[in-house]
All heavy atoms as atom14 arrays in JSON, in Angstrom:
{
  "sequence": "YALPSTGNILTYKIITGRDEKAIDRELAGLKKLNKE",
  "atom14_mask": [
    [1, 1, 1, 1, 1, 1, 1, 1, 1, 1, 1, 1, 0, 0],
    [1, 1, 1, 1, 1, 0, 0, 0, 0, 0, 0, 0, 0, 0],
    [1, 1, 1, 1, 1, 1, 1, 1, 0, 0, 0, 0, 0, 0],
    [1, 1, 1, 1, 1, 1, 1, 0, 0, 0, 0, 0, 0, 0],
    [1, 1, 1, 1, 1, 1, 0, 0, 0, 0, 0, 0, 0, 0],
    [1, 1, 1, 1, 1, 1, 1, 0, 0, 0, 0, 0, 0, 0],
    [1, 1, 1, 1, 0, 0, 0, 0, 0, 0, 0, 0, 0, 0],
    [1, 1, 1, 1, 1, 1, 1, 1, 0, 0, 0, 0, 0, 0],
    [1, 1, 1, 1, 1, 1, 1, 1, 0, 0, 0, 0, 0, 0],
    [1, 1, 1, 1, 1, 1, 1, 1, 0, 0, 0, 0, 0, 0],
    [1, 1, 1, 1, 1, 1, 1, 0, 0, 0, 0, 0, 0, 0],
    [1, 1, 1, 1, 1, 1, 1, 1, 1, 1, 1, 1, 0, 0],
    [1, 1, 1, 1, 1, 1, 1, 1, 1, 0, 0, 0, 0, 0],
    [1, 1, 1, 1, 1, 1, 1, 1, 0, 0, 0, 0, 0, 0],
    [1, 1, 1, 1, 1, 1, 1, 1, 0, 0, 0, 0, 0, 0],
    [1, 1, 1, 1, 1, 1, 1, 0, 0, 0, 0, 0, 0, 0],
    [1, 1, 1, 1, 0, 0, 0, 0, 0, 0, 0, 0, 0, 0],
    [1, 1, 1, 1, 1, 1, 1, 1, 1, 1, 1, 0, 0, 0],
    [1, 1, 1, 1, 1, 1, 1, 1, 0, 0, 0, 0, 0, 0],
    [1, 1, 1, 1, 1, 1, 1, 1, 1, 0, 0, 0, 0, 0],
    [1, 1, 1, 1, 1, 1, 1, 1, 1, 0, 0, 0, 0, 0],
    [1, 1, 1, 1, 1, 0, 0, 0, 0, 0, 0, 0, 0, 0],
    [1, 1, 1, 1, 1, 1, 1, 1, 0, 0, 0, 0, 0, 0],
    [1, 1, 1, 1, 1, 1, 1, 1, 0, 0, 0, 0, 0, 0],
    [1, 1, 1, 1, 1, 1, 1, 1, 1, 1, 1, 0, 0, 0],
    [1, 1, 1, 1, 1, 1, 1, 1, 1, 0, 0, 0, 0, 0],
    [1, 1, 1, 1, 1, 1, 1, 1, 0, 0, 0, 0, 0, 0],
    [1, 1, 1, 1, 1, 0, 0, 0, 0, 0, 0, 0, 0, 0],
    [1, 1, 1, 1, 0, 0, 0, 0, 0, 0, 0, 0, 0, 0],
    [1, 1, 1, 1, 1, 1, 1, 1, 0, 0, 0, 0, 0, 0],
    [1, 1, 1, 1, 1, 1, 1, 1, 1, 0, 0, 0, 0, 0],
    [1, 1, 1, 1, 1, 1, 1, 1, 1, 0, 0, 0, 0, 0],
    [1, 1, 1, 1, 1, 1, 1, 1, 0, 0, 0, 0, 0, 0],
    [1, 1, 1, 1, 1, 1, 1, 1, 0, 0, 0, 0, 0, 0],
    [1, 1, 1, 1, 1, 1, 1, 1, 1, 0, 0, 0, 0, 0],
    [1, 1, 1, 1, 1, 1, 1, 1, 1, 0, 0, 0, 0, 0]
  ],
  "atom14_positions": [
    [[9.84, -1.28, -12.42], [8.86, -0.68, -13.36], [9.19, 0.8, -13.49], [9.38, 1.48, -12.49], [7.45, -0.87, -12.86], [6.38, -0.28, -13.75], [6.09, -0.85, -14.98], [5.7, 0.89, -13.38], [5.11, -0.3, -15.83], [4.71, 1.45, -14.2], [4.45, 0.83, -15.42], [3.49, 1.4, -16.23], [0.0, 0.0, 0.0], [0.0, 0.0, 0.0]],
    [[9.23, 1.29, -14.73], [9.46, 2.71, -14.99], [8.09, 3.39, -15.2], [7.33, 2.98, -16.07], [10.34, 2.9, -16.23], [0.0, 0.0, 0.0], [0.0, 0.0, 0.0], [0.0, 0.0, 0.0], [0.0, 0.0, 0.0], [0.0, 0.0, 0.0], [0.0, 0.0, 0.0], [0.0, 0.0, 0.0], [0.0, 0.0, 0.0], [0.0, 0.0, 0.0]],
    [[7.82, 4.4, -14.42], [6.55, 5.11, -14.55], [6.49, 5.84, -15.89], [7.44, 6.55, -16.26], [6.37, 6.11, -13.39], [6.33, 5.51, -11.98], [6.14, 6.61, -10.94], [5.2, 4.49, -11.88], [0.0, 0.0, 0.0], [0.0, 0.0, 0.0], [0.0, 0.0, 0.0], [0.0, 0.0, 0.0], [0.0, 0.0, 0.0], [0.0, 0.0, 0.0]],
    [[5.41, 5.67, -16.65], [5.34, 6.18, -18.01], [5.38, 7.72, -18.12], [5.89, 8.24, -19.12], [4.03, 5.62, -18.55], [3.23, 5.29, -17.34], [4.22, 4.87, -16.3], [0.0, 0.0, 0.0], [0.0, 0.0, 0.0], [0.0, 0.0, 0.0], [0.0, 0.0, 0.0], [0.0, 0.0, 0.0], [0.0, 0.0, 0.0], [0.0, 0.0, 0.0]],
    [[4.87, 8.42, -17.12], [4.81, 9.88, -17.2], [6.04, 10.56, -16.64], [6.62, 11.46, -17.3], [3.56, 10.42, -16.47], [2.39, 9.93, -17.08], [0.0, 0.0, 0.0], [0.0, 0.0, 0.0], [0.0, 0.0, 0.0], [0.0, 0.0, 0.0], [0.0, 0.0, 0.0], [0.0, 0.0, 0.0], [0.0, 0.0, 0.0], [0.0, 0.0, 0.0]],
    [[6.47, 10.18, -15.47], [7.59, 10.87, -14.81], [8.93, 10.17, -15.01], [9.98, 10.76, -14.83], [7.33, 10.96, -13.3], [7.23, 9.64, -12.75], [6.03, 11.72, -13.03], [0.0, 0.0, 0.0], [0.0, 0.0, 0.0], [0.0, 0.0, 0.0], [0.0, 0.0, 0.0], [0.0, 0.0, 0.0], [0.0, 0.0, 0.0], [0.0, 0.0, 0.0]],
    [[8.89, 8.89, -15.39], [10.12, 8.15, -15.58], [10.77, 7.61, -14.32], [11.82, 6.97, -14.4], [0.0, 0.0, 0.0], [0.0, 0.0, 0.0], [0.0, 0.0, 0.0], [0.0, 0.0, 0.0], [0.0, 0.0, 0.0], [0.0, 0.0, 0.0], [0.0, 0.0, 0.0], [0.0, 0.0, 0.0], [0.0, 0.0, 0.0], [0.0, 0.0, 0.0]],
    [[10.14, 7.84, -13.16], [10.69, 7.32, -11.92], [10.78, 5.8, -12.01], [9.86, 5.16, -12.53], [9.82, 7.69, -10.72], [9.83, 9.2, -10.48], [8.87, 9.88, -10.83], [10.87, 9.7, -9.85], [0.0, 0.0, 0.0], [0.0, 0.0, 0.0], [0.0, 0.0, 0.0], [0.0, 0.0, 0.0], [0.0, 0.0, 0.0], [0.0, 0.0, 0.0]],
    [[11.83, 5.23, -11.44], [12.01, 3.77, -11.46], [11.58, 3.21, -10.1], [12.14, 3.59, -9.05], [13.47, 3.36, -11.73], [13.95, 4.0, -13.05], [13.6, 1.85, -11.78], [13.2, 3.54, -14.28], [0.0, 0.0, 0.0], [0.0, 0.0, 0.0], [0.0, 0.0, 0.0], [0.0, 0.0, 0.0], [0.0, 0.0, 0.0], [0.0, 0.0, 0.0]],
    [[10.6, 2.35, -10.12], [10.12, 1.72, -8.9], [10.64, 0.29, -8.82], [10.7, -0.42, -9.83], [8.6, 1.65, -8.88], [7.79, 2.95, -9.07], [6.29, 2.67, -8.95], [8.23, 4.03, -8.08], [0.0, 0.0, 0.0], [0.0, 0.0, 0.0], [0.0, 0.0, 0.0], [0.0, 0.0, 0.0], [0.0, 0.0, 0.0], [0.0, 0.0, 0.0]],
    [[10.99, -0.15, -7.61], [11.11, -1.58, -7.36], [9.96, -1.93, -6.44], [9.58, -1.14, -5.56], [12.46, -1.96, -6.7], [12.55, -1.3, -5.44], [13.63, -1.54, -7.57], [0.0, 0.0, 0.0], [0.0, 0.0, 0.0], [0.0, 0.0, 0.0], [0.0, 0.0, 0.0], [0.0, 0.0, 0.0], [0.0, 0.0, 0.0], [0.0, 0.0, 0.0]],
    [[9.38, -3.11, -6.68], [8.18, -3.48, -5.93], [8.13, -4.98, -5.73], [8.89, -5.73, -6.36], [6.92, -3.01, -6.65], [6.65, -3.73, -7.97], [5.82, -4.84, -8.01], [7.25, -3.29, -9.16], [5.57, -5.5, -9.2], [7.0, -3.96, -10.35], [6.18, -5.06, -10.37], [5.95, -5.73, -11.55], [0.0, 0.0, 0.0], [0.0, 0.0, 0.0]],
    [[7.25, -5.39, -4.85], [7.07, -6.82, -4.58], [5.62, -7.19, -4.79], [4.72, -6.34, -4.78], [7.5, -7.18, -3.17], [6.64, -6.57, -2.07], [7.09, -7.04, -0.71], [6.26, -6.43, 0.42], [6.66, -6.92, 1.77], [0.0, 0.0, 0.0], [0.0, 0.0, 0.0], [0.0, 0.0, 0.0], [0.0, 0.0, 0.0], [0.0, 0.0, 0.0]],
    [[5.37, -8.48, -4.93], [3.99, -9.01, -4.99], [3.5, -9.21, -3.56], [4.21, -9.79, -2.73], [3.94, -10.33, -5.78], [4.55, -10.16, -7.17], [2.5, -10.83, -5.85], [3.87, -9.14, -8.04], [0.0, 0.0, 0.0], [0.0, 0.0, 0.0], [0.0, 0.0, 0.0], [0.0, 0.0, 0.0], [0.0, 0.0, 0.0], [0.0, 0.0, 0.0]],
    [[2.31, -8.71, -3.29], [1.75, -8.76, -1.94], [1.54, -10.2, -1.48], [1.1, -11.07, -2.23], [0.4, -8.02, -1.91], [0.63, -6.5, -2.12], [-0.36, -8.27, -0.63], [1.35, -5.85, -0.96], [0.0, 0.0, 0.0], [0.0, 0.0, 0.0], [0.0, 0.0, 0.0], [0.0, 0.0, 0.0], [0.0, 0.0, 0.0], [0.0, 0.0, 0.0]],
    [[1.89, -10.45, -0.2], [1.66, -11.76, 0.41], [0.54, -11.68, 1.44], [0.03, -10.6, 1.73], [2.93, -12.24, 1.16], [3.18, -11.37, 2.25], [4.14, -12.25, 0.22], [0.0, 0.0, 0.0], [0.0, 0.0, 0.0], [0.0, 0.0, 0.0], [0.0, 0.0, 0.0], [0.0, 0.0, 0.0], [0.0, 0.0, 0.0], [0.0, 0.0, 0.0]],
    [[0.16, -12.83, 1.97], [-0.88, -12.85, 3.0], [-0.47, -12.05, 4.22], [-1.3, -11.4, 4.85], [0.0, 0.0, 0.0], [0.0, 0.0, 0.0], [0.0, 0.0, 0.0], [0.0, 0.0, 0.0], [0.0, 0.0, 0.0], [0.0, 0.0, 0.0], [0.0, 0.0, 0.0], [0.0, 0.0, 0.0], [0.0, 0.0, 0.0], [0.0, 0.0, 0.0]],
    [[0.8, -12.09, 4.55], [1.31, -11.3, 5.7], [1.14, -9.81, 5.43], [0.75, -9.04, 6.34], [2.76, -11.64, 5.95], [3.37, -11.01, 7.19], [4.75, -11.53, 7.5], [4.72, -12.93, 7.94], [4.99, -13.98, 7.19], [5.36, -13.81, 5.92], [4.92, -15.21, 7.66], [0.0, 0.0, 0.0], [0.0, 0.0, 0.0], [0.0, 0.0, 0.0]],
    [[1.43, -9.38, 4.2], [1.24, -7.99, 3.83], [-0.23, -7.59, 3.91], [-0.58, -6.48, 4.34], [1.76, -7.75, 2.41], [3.25, -7.95, 2.28], [3.99, -7.58, 3.22], [3.68, -8.49, 1.27], [0.0, 0.0, 0.0], [0.0, 0.0, 0.0], [0.0, 0.0, 0.0], [0.0, 0.0, 0.0], [0.0, 0.0, 0.0], [0.0, 0.0, 0.0]],
    [[-1.11, -8.48, 3.45], [-2.56, -8.2, 3.49], [-3.01, -7.89, 4.92], [-3.8, -6.98, 5.17], [-3.35, -9.41, 2.92], [-3.14, -9.67, 1.46], [-4.01, -8.79, 0.57], [-4.6, -7.83, 1.1], [-4.07, -9.04, -0.64], [0.0, 0.0, 0.0], [0.0, 0.0, 0.0], [0.0, 0.0, 0.0], [0.0, 0.0, 0.0], [0.0, 0.0, 0.0]],
    [[-2.5, -8.67, 5.87], [-2.87, -8.46, 7.28], [-2.37, -7.08, 7.77], [-3.11, -6.35, 8.45], [-2.27, -9.56, 8.15], [-2.98, -10.9, 8.03], [-2.34, -11.91, 8.99], [-3.04, -13.23, 8.96], [-2.43, -14.21, 9.88], [0.0, 0.0, 0.0], [0.0, 0.0, 0.0], [0.0, 0.0, 0.0], [0.0, 0.0, 0.0], [0.0, 0.0, 0.0]],
    [[-1.14, -6.74, 7.4], [-0.58, -5.45, 7.8], [-1.36, -4.29, 7.18], [-1.62, -3.27, 7.82], [0.9, -5.37, 7.41], [0.0, 0.0, 0.0], [0.0, 0.0, 0.0], [0.0, 0.0, 0.0], [0.0, 0.0, 0.0], [0.0, 0.0, 0.0], [0.0, 0.0, 0.0], [0.0, 0.0, 0.0], [0.0, 0.0, 0.0], [0.0, 0.0, 0.0]],
    [[-1.76, -4.47, 5.92], [-2.57, -3.44, 5.24], [-3.91, -3.27, 5.93], [-4.35, -2.14, 6.19], [-2.77, -3.8, 3.75], [-1.44, -3.72, 3.01], [-3.81, -2.93, 3.1], [-1.48, -4.33, 1.61], [0.0, 0.0, 0.0], [0.0, 0.0, 0.0], [0.0, 0.0, 0.0], [0.0, 0.0, 0.0], [0.0, 0.0, 0.0], [0.0, 0.0, 0.0]],
    [[-4.55, -4.38, 6.28], [-5.84, -4.31, 6.96], [-5.72, -3.61, 8.31], [-6.59, -2.82, 8.7], [-6.41, -5.72, 7.15], [-6.9, -6.35, 5.88], [-7.1, -5.61, 4.89], [-7.07, -7.6, 5.83], [0.0, 0.0, 0.0], [0.0, 0.0, 0.0], [0.0, 0.0, 0.0], [0.0, 0.0, 0.0], [0.0, 0.0, 0.0], [0.0, 0.0, 0.0]],
    [[-4.62, -3.89, 9.03], [-4.43, -3.24, 10.33], [-4.24, -1.73, 10.2], [-4.8, -0.94, 10.96], [-3.21, -3.85, 11.04], [-3.45, -5.25, 11.63], [-2.35, -5.62, 12.61], [-1.03, -5.66, 11.98], [-0.51, -6.74, 11.43], [-1.18, -7.89, 11.4], [0.7, -6.71, 10.9], [0.0, 0.0, 0.0], [0.0, 0.0, 0.0], [0.0, 0.0, 0.0]],
    [[-3.47, -1.34, 9.17], [-3.23, 0.09, 8.97], [-4.52, 0.8, 8.55], [-4.81, 1.89, 9.02], [-2.14, 0.31, 7.92], [-1.8, 1.78, 7.72], [-0.44, 1.99, 7.05], [0.47, 1.18, 7.29], [-0.31, 2.99, 6.34], [0.0, 0.0, 0.0], [0.0, 0.0, 0.0], [0.0, 0.0, 0.0], [0.0, 0.0, 0.0], [0.0, 0.0, 0.0]],
    [[-5.29, 0.17, 7.67], [-6.55, 0.77, 7.22], [-7.53, 0.89, 8.38], [-8.25, 1.9, 8.49], [-7.17, -0.05, 6.1], [-6.43, 0.01, 4.75], [-7.06, -0.95, 3.77], [-6.46, 1.44, 4.2], [0.0, 0.0, 0.0], [0.0, 0.0, 0.0], [0.0, 0.0, 0.0], [0.0, 0.0, 0.0], [0.0, 0.0, 0.0], [0.0, 0.0, 0.0]],
    [[-7.55, -0.13, 9.26], [-8.43, -0.07, 10.44], [-8.02, 1.08, 11.35], [-8.89, 1.8, 11.91], [-8.39, -1.39, 11.19], [0.0, 0.0, 0.0], [0.0, 0.0, 0.0], [0.0, 0.0, 0.0], [0.0, 0.0, 0.0], [0.0, 0.0, 0.0], [0.0, 0.0, 0.0], [0.0, 0.0, 0.0], [0.0, 0.0, 0.0], [0.0, 0.0, 0.0]],
    [[-6.73, 1.29, 11.51], [-6.23, 2.4, 12.33], [-6.6, 3.74, 11.73], [-6.99, 4.68, 12.45], [0.0, 0.0, 0.0], [0.0, 0.0, 0.0], [0.0, 0.0, 0.0], [0.0, 0.0, 0.0], [0.0, 0.0, 0.0], [0.0, 0.0, 0.0], [0.0, 0.0, 0.0], [0.0, 0.0, 0.0], [0.0, 0.0, 0.0], [0.0, 0.0, 0.0]],
    [[-6.5, 3.86, 10.41], [-6.86, 5.12, 9.74], [-8.37, 5.38, 9.87], [-8.79, 6.54, 9.98], [-6.45, 5.05, 8.28], [-4.95, 5.04, 8.0], [-4.67, 4.77, 6.52], [-4.31, 6.37, 8.42], [0.0, 0.0, 0.0], [0.0, 0.0, 0.0], [0.0, 0.0, 0.0], [0.0, 0.0, 0.0], [0.0, 0.0, 0.0], [0.0, 0.0, 0.0]],
    [[-9.16, 4.33, 9.84], [-10.61, 4.46, 9.98], [-10.99, 5.03, 11.35], [-11.95, 5.77, 11.51], [-11.31, 3.12, 9.77], [-11.64, 2.77, 8.34], [-12.74, 3.66, 7.78], [-13.13, 3.23, 6.38], [-14.13, 4.15, 5.8], [0.0, 0.0, 0.0], [0.0, 0.0, 0.0], [0.0, 0.0, 0.0], [0.0, 0.0, 0.0], [0.0, 0.0, 0.0]],
    [[-10.22, 4.64, 12.36], [-10.49, 5.14, 13.71], [-10.23, 6.63, 13.81], [-10.91, 7.34, 14.53], [-9.63, 4.39, 14.73], [-10.03, 2.94, 14.95], [-9.13, 2.27, 15.98], [-9.56, 0.82, 16.21], [-8.69, 0.14, 17.21], [0.0, 0.0, 0.0], [0.0, 0.0, 0.0], [0.0, 0.0, 0.0], [0.0, 0.0, 0.0], [0.0, 0.0, 0.0]],
    [[-9.26, 7.11, 13.04], [-8.94, 8.52, 13.03], [-9.94, 9.31, 12.2], [-10.27, 10.46, 12.54], [-7.52, 8.74, 12.48], [-6.37, 8.14, 13.29], [-5.07, 8.32, 12.55], [-6.3, 8.77, 14.67], [0.0, 0.0, 0.0], [0.0, 0.0, 0.0], [0.0, 0.0, 0.0], [0.0, 0.0, 0.0], [0.0, 0.0, 0.0], [0.0, 0.0, 0.0]],
    [[-10.4, 8.7, 11.12], [-11.38, 9.38, 10.24], [-12.26, 8.32, 9.6], [-11.85, 7.62, 8.67], [-10.64, 10.17, 9.15], [-11.59, 10.95, 8.25], [-12.81, 10.84, 8.37], [-11.03, 11.73, 7.34], [0.0, 0.0, 0.0], [0.0, 0.0, 0.0], [0.0, 0.0, 0.0], [0.0, 0.0, 0.0], [0.0, 0.0, 0.0], [0.0, 0.0, 0.0]],
    [[-13.48, 8.22, 10.1], [-14.39, 7.15, 9.66], [-14.76, 7.26, 8.17], [-15.16, 6.29, 7.55], [-15.66, 7.16, 10.5], [-15.44, 6.75, 11.96], [-16.73, 6.72, 12.74], [-16.49, 6.28, 14.18], [-17.74, 6.24, 14.99], [0.0, 0.0, 0.0], [0.0, 0.0, 0.0], [0.0, 0.0, 0.0], [0.0, 0.0, 0.0], [0.0, 0.0, 0.0]],
    [[-14.65, 8.46, 7.62], [-15.02, 8.64, 6.21], [-13.85, 8.46, 5.27], [-14.0, 8.55, 4.06], [-15.62, 10.05, 6.03], [-16.94, 10.24, 6.81], [-17.53, 11.61, 6.58], [-16.88, 12.42, 5.87], [-18.64, 11.86, 7.06], [0.0, 0.0, 0.0], [0.0, 0.0, 0.0], [0.0, 0.0, 0.0], [0.0, 0.0, 0.0], [0.0, 0.0, 0.0]]
  ]
}
């Protein structure tokens, strides 16, 4: 995907259930550092 404003070209993937778990773990860790 080419970003419309800057023109940077991104390659990306569709999130899987495994990714969802990793995202939840990282967000939980960030919450511990800063609850807000």
